[in-house]
Each structure stands twice: as structure tokens, then as C-alpha cells.
Amino acid sequence: AGADALKLFPAEALTPTVLKAQKAVLPPHVPVLVVGGIQPGNMRPWLDAGAGGFGLGGGIYKPGQSAEETKRKARAYVEAAKR
């Protein structure tokens, strides 16, 4: 229908197996962005299942948090995605 990307939410209620099944019937050029409950330690199974990216919010920033803490958390996600 012309979507540039799709959002899979809430990811914590689903599994990477669900994403893999959905990717089998979606156009290959449409990325699926996984959102909700994503942490550095659970990114790899989603990537292996075909995630095109992630929506990150509360895992990186909480109100009142320092810029240094936000930077530390963001780096943890980047490092996990690289592995």
C-alpha cells in the first residue's frame, strides 16, 4: 500500500519467530522496525529474524537522567547492534 516501513509493536508481546513469519509475506524492500521492550541483550534474535531497525525510547532515556547516562545507554545499543 506504499508504506516506507512498518512498526512491530509491542515487541515484548511477540517473538522474533513472529517477525520472521511476517517477513516471509511482506515485500523484501519494506523494513520492519521493532519497538517496545528492546534492550541491548535482546536485539540479536530480532536482527536475525529480519528486523530492519528498532524504536528506542525508555531504554535510552528517562526524565531527569544525565546526558552522560543517556550517552552510556545509547552506546550499549550501538555496540549490541554491531555484534
N, C-alpha and C. Protein backbone atom coordinates (compact mmCIF):
# COMPACT_ATOMS: atom_id res chain seq x y z
N ALA A 1 0.82 -1.19 0.00
CA ALA A 1 0.00 0.00 0.00
C ALA A 1 0.86 1.25 0.00
N GLY A 2 2.16 1.10 -0.22
CA GLY A 2 3.03 2.27 -0.31
C GLY A 2 3.76 2.64 0.95
N ALA A 3 3.70 1.81 1.98
CA ALA A 3 4.41 2.12 3.23
C ALA A 3 5.92 2.09 2.99
N ASP A 4 6.62 3.02 3.62
CA ASP A 4 8.08 3.03 3.56
C ASP A 4 8.70 2.10 4.58
N ALA A 5 7.97 1.83 5.66
CA ALA A 5 8.42 0.94 6.73
C ALA A 5 7.20 0.54 7.55
N LEU A 6 7.36 -0.53 8.32
CA LEU A 6 6.30 -0.98 9.21
C LEU A 6 6.84 -1.03 10.64
N LYS A 7 5.96 -0.80 11.59
CA LYS A 7 6.31 -0.82 13.01
C LYS A 7 5.69 -2.06 13.65
N LEU A 8 6.51 -2.88 14.29
CA LEU A 8 6.03 -4.05 15.02
C LEU A 8 6.02 -3.68 16.50
N PHE A 9 4.81 -3.53 17.07
CA PHE A 9 4.66 -3.04 18.44
C PHE A 9 3.46 -3.71 19.07
N PRO A 10 3.53 -4.09 20.30
CA PRO A 10 4.68 -4.09 21.20
C PRO A 10 5.49 -5.37 21.05
N ALA A 11 6.76 -5.22 20.83
CA ALA A 11 7.64 -6.37 20.60
C ALA A 11 7.68 -7.31 21.79
N GLU A 12 7.56 -6.79 23.00
CA GLU A 12 7.64 -7.67 24.17
C GLU A 12 6.48 -8.64 24.24
N ALA A 13 5.42 -8.41 23.47
CA ALA A 13 4.29 -9.32 23.44
C ALA A 13 4.43 -10.36 22.32
N LEU A 14 5.49 -10.24 21.52
CA LEU A 14 5.69 -11.12 20.38
C LEU A 14 7.06 -11.79 20.49
N THR A 15 7.42 -12.53 19.47
CA THR A 15 8.74 -13.17 19.43
C THR A 15 9.37 -12.90 18.08
N PRO A 16 10.67 -13.07 17.99
CA PRO A 16 11.32 -12.96 16.68
C PRO A 16 10.75 -13.95 15.66
N THR A 17 10.23 -15.07 16.10
CA THR A 17 9.62 -16.03 15.19
C THR A 17 8.42 -15.42 14.47
N VAL A 18 7.65 -14.60 15.18
CA VAL A 18 6.52 -13.90 14.56
C VAL A 18 7.02 -12.96 13.47
N LEU A 19 8.07 -12.22 13.77
CA LEU A 19 8.63 -11.31 12.77
C LEU A 19 9.10 -12.08 11.54
N LYS A 20 9.79 -13.17 11.76
CA LYS A 20 10.30 -13.96 10.64
C LYS A 20 9.15 -14.43 9.74
N ALA A 21 8.05 -14.87 10.35
CA ALA A 21 6.88 -15.30 9.58
C ALA A 21 6.27 -14.14 8.80
N GLN A 22 6.19 -12.98 9.43
CA GLN A 22 5.63 -11.82 8.74
C GLN A 22 6.52 -11.38 7.58
N LYS A 23 7.82 -11.41 7.79
CA LYS A 23 8.75 -11.01 6.73
C LYS A 23 8.62 -11.90 5.50
N ALA A 24 8.19 -13.14 5.69
CA ALA A 24 8.05 -14.07 4.56
C ALA A 24 6.97 -13.63 3.58
N VAL A 25 6.02 -12.83 4.04
CA VAL A 25 4.92 -12.41 3.16
C VAL A 25 4.93 -10.91 2.86
N LEU A 26 5.89 -10.19 3.40
CA LEU A 26 6.00 -8.75 3.15
C LEU A 26 6.97 -8.49 2.00
N PRO A 27 6.79 -7.39 1.29
CA PRO A 27 7.77 -7.04 0.26
C PRO A 27 9.16 -6.91 0.89
N PRO A 28 10.17 -7.50 0.30
CA PRO A 28 11.50 -7.52 0.91
C PRO A 28 12.13 -6.13 1.12
N HIS A 29 11.68 -5.14 0.36
CA HIS A 29 12.27 -3.81 0.48
C HIS A 29 11.64 -2.98 1.61
N VAL A 30 10.61 -3.49 2.27
CA VAL A 30 9.96 -2.74 3.35
C VAL A 30 10.53 -3.18 4.69
N PRO A 31 11.28 -2.30 5.37
CA PRO A 31 11.84 -2.68 6.66
C PRO A 31 10.76 -2.73 7.75
N VAL A 32 10.95 -3.64 8.68
CA VAL A 32 10.08 -3.72 9.85
C VAL A 32 10.89 -3.24 11.04
N LEU A 33 10.39 -2.20 11.71
CA LEU A 33 11.05 -1.62 12.88
C LEU A 33 10.40 -2.18 14.13
N VAL A 34 11.20 -2.76 14.98
CA VAL A 34 10.72 -3.43 16.18
C VAL A 34 10.77 -2.44 17.35
N VAL A 35 9.64 -2.32 18.05
CA VAL A 35 9.50 -1.30 19.09
C VAL A 35 8.83 -1.90 20.32
N GLY A 36 9.36 -1.58 21.49
CA GLY A 36 8.74 -1.98 22.75
C GLY A 36 9.50 -3.09 23.44
N GLY A 37 10.19 -2.75 24.50
CA GLY A 37 10.90 -3.75 25.29
C GLY A 37 12.25 -4.15 24.74
N ILE A 38 12.76 -3.39 23.80
CA ILE A 38 14.06 -3.73 23.22
C ILE A 38 15.16 -3.26 24.15
N GLN A 39 16.09 -4.19 24.42
CA GLN A 39 17.26 -3.92 25.25
C GLN A 39 18.49 -4.41 24.49
N PRO A 40 19.68 -3.92 24.84
CA PRO A 40 20.88 -4.39 24.14
C PRO A 40 21.00 -5.92 24.13
N GLY A 41 20.58 -6.56 25.19
CA GLY A 41 20.72 -8.00 25.29
C GLY A 41 19.72 -8.82 24.50
N ASN A 42 18.68 -8.19 23.96
CA ASN A 42 17.70 -8.98 23.19
C ASN A 42 17.58 -8.53 21.73
N MET A 43 18.53 -7.75 21.25
CA MET A 43 18.48 -7.26 19.87
C MET A 43 18.85 -8.33 18.85
N ARG A 44 19.83 -9.16 19.15
CA ARG A 44 20.35 -10.11 18.16
C ARG A 44 19.27 -11.03 17.58
N PRO A 45 18.41 -11.66 18.39
CA PRO A 45 17.38 -12.52 17.80
C PRO A 45 16.44 -11.77 16.85
N TRP A 46 16.15 -10.53 17.16
CA TRP A 46 15.29 -9.72 16.28
C TRP A 46 16.00 -9.42 14.97
N LEU A 47 17.27 -9.07 15.06
CA LEU A 47 18.03 -8.81 13.83
C LEU A 47 18.12 -10.07 12.98
N ASP A 48 18.37 -11.20 13.62
CA ASP A 48 18.45 -12.46 12.90
C ASP A 48 17.13 -12.82 12.22
N ALA A 49 16.02 -12.38 12.81
CA ALA A 49 14.69 -12.66 12.24
C ALA A 49 14.31 -11.68 11.13
N GLY A 50 15.12 -10.64 10.94
CA GLY A 50 14.87 -9.71 9.84
C GLY A 50 14.50 -8.30 10.22
N ALA A 51 14.64 -7.93 11.49
CA ALA A 51 14.35 -6.55 11.89
C ALA A 51 15.20 -5.58 11.08
N GLY A 52 14.56 -4.53 10.59
CA GLY A 52 15.27 -3.50 9.84
C GLY A 52 15.76 -2.38 10.72
N GLY A 53 15.40 -2.42 11.99
CA GLY A 53 15.79 -1.39 12.93
C GLY A 53 14.92 -1.47 14.16
N PHE A 54 15.13 -0.55 15.07
CA PHE A 54 14.43 -0.55 16.34
C PHE A 54 13.96 0.85 16.70
N GLY A 55 12.85 0.91 17.41
CA GLY A 55 12.41 2.14 18.03
C GLY A 55 12.82 2.07 19.49
N LEU A 56 13.57 3.04 19.94
CA LEU A 56 14.09 3.03 21.30
C LEU A 56 13.66 4.29 22.02
N GLY A 57 13.20 4.15 23.21
CA GLY A 57 12.78 5.30 24.00
C GLY A 57 13.24 5.14 25.43
N GLY A 58 12.40 4.47 26.23
CA GLY A 58 12.68 4.32 27.65
C GLY A 58 13.95 3.56 27.97
N GLY A 59 14.42 2.77 27.03
CA GLY A 59 15.68 2.05 27.26
C GLY A 59 16.88 2.97 27.20
N ILE A 60 16.72 4.12 26.57
CA ILE A 60 17.82 5.07 26.45
C ILE A 60 17.65 6.26 27.39
N TYR A 61 16.44 6.73 27.54
CA TYR A 61 16.25 7.97 28.31
C TYR A 61 15.09 7.86 29.28
N LYS A 62 15.32 8.34 30.48
CA LYS A 62 14.28 8.52 31.50
C LYS A 62 14.35 9.98 31.97
N PRO A 63 13.22 10.62 32.24
CA PRO A 63 13.25 12.01 32.69
C PRO A 63 14.19 12.20 33.88
N GLY A 64 14.96 13.26 33.81
CA GLY A 64 15.88 13.59 34.88
C GLY A 64 17.24 12.92 34.75
N GLN A 65 17.38 12.07 33.80
CA GLN A 65 18.64 11.34 33.60
C GLN A 65 19.71 12.29 33.04
N SER A 66 20.94 12.07 33.41
CA SER A 66 22.03 12.91 32.92
C SER A 66 22.35 12.60 31.46
N ALA A 67 22.96 13.57 30.81
CA ALA A 67 23.39 13.37 29.43
C ALA A 67 24.42 12.25 29.36
N GLU A 68 25.26 12.14 30.33
CA GLU A 68 26.28 11.09 30.35
C GLU A 68 25.64 9.70 30.44
N GLU A 69 24.61 9.56 31.25
CA GLU A 69 23.91 8.28 31.37
C GLU A 69 23.20 7.94 30.06
N THR A 70 22.60 8.93 29.43
CA THR A 70 21.94 8.72 28.15
C THR A 70 22.96 8.27 27.11
N LYS A 71 24.10 8.91 27.10
CA LYS A 71 25.17 8.54 26.17
C LYS A 71 25.64 7.11 26.42
N ARG A 72 25.81 6.73 27.66
CA ARG A 72 26.25 5.37 28.01
C ARG A 72 25.24 4.33 27.52
N LYS A 73 23.96 4.60 27.77
CA LYS A 73 22.92 3.67 27.33
C LYS A 73 22.86 3.57 25.82
N ALA A 74 22.95 4.69 25.14
CA ALA A 74 22.90 4.69 23.67
C ALA A 74 24.07 3.90 23.10
N ARG A 75 25.23 4.06 23.67
CA ARG A 75 26.40 3.31 23.20
C ARG A 75 26.21 1.81 23.38
N ALA A 76 25.56 1.41 24.46
CA ALA A 76 25.31 -0.02 24.68
C ALA A 76 24.45 -0.60 23.56
N TYR A 77 23.46 0.16 23.09
CA TYR A 77 22.64 -0.28 21.96
C TYR A 77 23.46 -0.37 20.68
N VAL A 78 24.27 0.62 20.44
CA VAL A 78 25.10 0.63 19.22
C VAL A 78 26.04 -0.58 19.23
N GLU A 79 26.68 -0.83 20.35
CA GLU A 79 27.59 -1.97 20.44
C GLU A 79 26.86 -3.29 20.25
N ALA A 80 25.67 -3.42 20.82
CA ALA A 80 24.89 -4.65 20.66
C ALA A 80 24.49 -4.85 19.20
N ALA A 81 24.17 -3.79 18.51
CA ALA A 81 23.77 -3.90 17.11
C ALA A 81 24.95 -4.29 16.23
N LYS A 82 26.14 -3.89 16.60
CA LYS A 82 27.32 -4.21 15.82
C LYS A 82 27.72 -5.69 15.96
N ARG A 83 27.38 -6.30 17.10
CA ARG A 83 27.80 -7.69 17.34
C ARG A 83 27.09 -8.65 16.47
